[in-house]
Amino acid sequence: MNIKIHSVKFDADKKLIDYIEAKVGKLMQVADDILTAEVILKIDNSEKNENKIAEVSIDIPHGTDIFARKQSKSFEESVDDATAALRRQLKKFKEKQRG
C-alpha cells in the first residue's frame, strides 16, 4: 500500500509520520487490497483546544474510496479515531461484498 501524508501549513515531524504510517498500515489487516491511502493533517483556526484535524482517504479496487475526517486535541488522537472509523467502514464494505 502506498501512503501519502500531507501536512497543511506546517511540517510534520518524523515521529508523527512514522506513527501515521503504522496506524494506516494496520488497515491492511482488514482489507489487503487497499491500493493507496492519503492522509491530510490540518490545524483548525478556531480558539478551542481540539483543533488538530486528520482526514484519511483510502482507495480500494472496484472504484471505491473510503473517507474519514476526525478532529481532536492531538494529531495522534485524530489519526486513531479516523483509522478506527475506516476500519468499521472497511468491515461493512467487505460484508456487503460477501453478501
C-alpha atoms as a PDB file:
ATOM      1  CA  MET A   1       0.000   0.000   0.000  1.00  0.00           C
ATOM      2  CA  ASN A   2       1.231   3.457  -0.877  1.00  0.00           C
ATOM      3  CA  ILE A   3       0.698   6.016   1.914  1.00  0.00           C
ATOM      4  CA  LYS A   4       0.851   9.752   1.147  1.00  0.00           C
ATOM      5  CA  ILE A   5       0.977  12.193   4.045  1.00  0.00           C
ATOM      6  CA  HIS A   6       0.346  15.918   3.566  1.00  0.00           C
ATOM      7  CA  SER A   7       0.604  18.491   6.321  1.00  0.00           C
ATOM      8  CA  VAL A   8      -1.037  21.814   5.523  1.00  0.00           C
ATOM      9  CA  LYS A   9       0.892  24.960   6.561  1.00  0.00           C
ATOM     10  CA  PHE A  10       3.310  23.092   8.857  1.00  0.00           C
ATOM     11  CA  ASP A  11       5.935  20.354   8.698  1.00  0.00           C
ATOM     12  CA  ALA A  12       5.092  17.079  10.395  1.00  0.00           C
ATOM     13  CA  ASP A  13       7.987  15.573  12.331  1.00  0.00           C
ATOM     14  CA  LYS A  14       9.388  12.112  11.632  1.00  0.00           C
ATOM     15  CA  LYS A  15       7.834  10.627  14.780  1.00  0.00           C
ATOM     16  CA  LEU A  16       4.327  11.699  13.700  1.00  0.00           C
ATOM     17  CA  ILE A  17       4.846  10.418  10.148  1.00  0.00           C
ATOM     18  CA  ASP A  18       6.043   7.037  11.445  1.00  0.00           C
ATOM     19  CA  TYR A  19       3.036   6.858  13.781  1.00  0.00           C
ATOM     20  CA  ILE A  20       0.608   7.590  10.928  1.00  0.00           C
ATOM     21  CA  GLU A  21       2.246   5.025   8.630  1.00  0.00           C
ATOM     22  CA  ALA A  22       1.989   2.361  11.345  1.00  0.00           C
ATOM     23  CA  LYS A  23      -1.666   3.121  12.110  1.00  0.00           C
ATOM     24  CA  VAL A  24      -2.789   3.330   8.489  1.00  0.00           C
ATOM     25  CA  GLY A  25      -0.697   0.280   7.596  1.00  0.00           C
ATOM     26  CA  LYS A  26      -2.674  -1.784  10.126  1.00  0.00           C
ATOM     27  CA  LEU A  27      -5.780  -1.284   7.967  1.00  0.00           C
ATOM     28  CA  MET A  28      -4.256  -3.916   5.675  1.00  0.00           C
ATOM     29  CA  GLN A  29      -5.308  -6.478   8.322  1.00  0.00           C
ATOM     30  CA  VAL A  30      -8.937  -5.726   7.474  1.00  0.00           C
ATOM     31  CA  ALA A  31      -8.577  -5.326   3.698  1.00  0.00           C
ATOM     32  CA  ASP A  32      -5.408  -6.479   2.000  1.00  0.00           C
ATOM     33  CA  ASP A  33      -6.441  -4.990  -1.346  1.00  0.00           C
ATOM     34  CA  ILE A  34      -6.002  -1.318  -0.359  1.00  0.00           C
ATOM     35  CA  LEU A  35      -4.253   0.495  -3.203  1.00  0.00           C
ATOM     36  CA  THR A  36      -3.390   3.883  -1.707  1.00  0.00           C
ATOM     37  CA  ALA A  37      -4.001   5.881   1.434  1.00  0.00           C
ATOM     38  CA  GLU A  38      -3.855   9.660   1.662  1.00  0.00           C
ATOM     39  CA  VAL A  39      -3.611  11.458   4.989  1.00  0.00           C
ATOM     40  CA  ILE A  40      -4.096  15.222   5.249  1.00  0.00           C
ATOM     41  CA  LEU A  41      -3.193  16.945   8.514  1.00  0.00           C
ATOM     42  CA  LYS A  42      -4.580  20.413   9.231  1.00  0.00           C
ATOM     43  CA  ILE A  43      -4.765  22.813  12.134  1.00  0.00           C
ATOM     44  CA  ASP A  44      -8.143  24.492  12.555  1.00  0.00           C
ATOM     45  CA  ASN A  45      -8.001  28.227  13.221  1.00  0.00           C
ATOM     46  CA  SER A  46     -10.587  28.078  15.985  1.00  0.00           C
ATOM     47  CA  GLU A  47      -9.810  29.080  19.550  1.00  0.00           C
ATOM     48  CA  LYS A  48     -10.810  25.739  21.052  1.00  0.00           C
ATOM     49  CA  ASN A  49      -8.306  23.128  22.195  1.00  0.00           C
ATOM     50  CA  GLU A  50      -9.428  20.402  19.793  1.00  0.00           C
ATOM     51  CA  ASN A  51      -8.059  21.956  16.609  1.00  0.00           C
ATOM     52  CA  LYS A  52      -5.998  19.125  15.055  1.00  0.00           C
ATOM     53  CA  ILE A  53      -7.715  17.582  12.032  1.00  0.00           C
ATOM     54  CA  ALA A  54      -6.809  14.321  10.281  1.00  0.00           C
ATOM     55  CA  GLU A  55      -8.502  13.416   7.015  1.00  0.00           C
ATOM     56  CA  VAL A  56      -7.789   9.901   5.785  1.00  0.00           C
ATOM     57  CA  SER A  57      -8.900   8.621   2.395  1.00  0.00           C
ATOM     58  CA  ILE A  58      -8.211   5.105   1.180  1.00  0.00           C
ATOM     59  CA  ASP A  59      -8.649   3.776  -2.327  1.00  0.00           C
ATOM     60  CA  ILE A  60      -9.683   0.173  -2.803  1.00  0.00           C
ATOM     61  CA  PRO A  61     -10.481  -1.725  -6.014  1.00  0.00           C
ATOM     62  CA  HIS A  62     -13.925  -1.534  -7.612  1.00  0.00           C
ATOM     63  CA  GLY A  63     -13.627   2.266  -7.847  1.00  0.00           C
ATOM     64  CA  THR A  64     -14.414   2.802  -4.187  1.00  0.00           C
ATOM     65  CA  ASP A  65     -12.922   5.446  -1.911  1.00  0.00           C
ATOM     66  CA  ILE A  66     -13.475   5.350   1.828  1.00  0.00           C
ATOM     67  CA  PHE A  67     -13.019   8.554   3.820  1.00  0.00           C
ATOM     68  CA  ALA A  68     -12.897   9.637   7.462  1.00  0.00           C
ATOM     69  CA  ARG A  69     -12.307  13.081   8.995  1.00  0.00           C
ATOM     70  CA  LYS A  70     -11.698  13.442  12.719  1.00  0.00           C
ATOM     71  CA  GLN A  71     -10.779  16.395  14.919  1.00  0.00           C
ATOM     72  CA  SER A  72      -9.253  16.294  18.406  1.00  0.00           C
ATOM     73  CA  LYS A  73      -6.572  17.851  20.606  1.00  0.00           C
ATOM     74  CA  SER A  74      -3.665  15.917  19.049  1.00  0.00           C
ATOM     75  CA  PHE A  75      -2.873  14.559  15.599  1.00  0.00           C
ATOM     76  CA  GLU A  76      -2.250  11.114  17.070  1.00  0.00           C
ATOM     77  CA  GLU A  77      -5.730  11.016  18.587  1.00  0.00           C
ATOM     78  CA  SER A  78      -7.296  12.298  15.353  1.00  0.00           C
ATOM     79  CA  VAL A  79      -5.485   9.623  13.332  1.00  0.00           C
ATOM     80  CA  ASP A  80      -6.551   6.944  15.848  1.00  0.00           C
ATOM     81  CA  ASP A  81     -10.201   7.998  15.563  1.00  0.00           C
ATOM     82  CA  ALA A  82     -10.063   8.224  11.765  1.00  0.00           C
ATOM     83  CA  THR A  83      -8.441   4.801  11.340  1.00  0.00           C
ATOM     84  CA  ALA A  84     -10.996   3.266  13.733  1.00  0.00           C
ATOM     85  CA  ALA A  85     -13.794   4.756  11.615  1.00  0.00           C
ATOM     86  CA  LEU A  86     -12.137   3.467   8.437  1.00  0.00           C
ATOM     87  CA  ARG A  87     -11.760   0.005   9.965  1.00  0.00           C
ATOM     88  CA  ARG A  88     -15.531  -0.092  10.638  1.00  0.00           C
ATOM     89  CA  GLN A  89     -16.292   1.151   7.119  1.00  0.00           C
ATOM     90  CA  LEU A  90     -13.974  -1.445   5.563  1.00  0.00           C
ATOM     91  CA  LYS A  91     -15.575  -4.270   7.543  1.00  0.00           C
ATOM     92  CA  LYS A  92     -19.014  -3.106   6.446  1.00  0.00           C
ATOM     93  CA  PHE A  93     -17.858  -2.879   2.816  1.00  0.00           C
ATOM     94  CA  LYS A  94     -16.355  -6.385   2.969  1.00  0.00           C
ATOM     95  CA  GLU A  95     -19.618  -7.771   4.401  1.00  0.00           C
ATOM     96  CA  LYS A  96     -21.559  -6.227   1.506  1.00  0.00           C
ATOM     97  CA  GLN A  97     -19.101  -7.761  -0.989  1.00  0.00           C
ATOM     98  CA  ARG A  98     -19.585 -11.246   0.500  1.00  0.00           C
ATOM     99  CA  GLY A  99     -23.363 -10.997   0.806  1.00  0.00           C
END
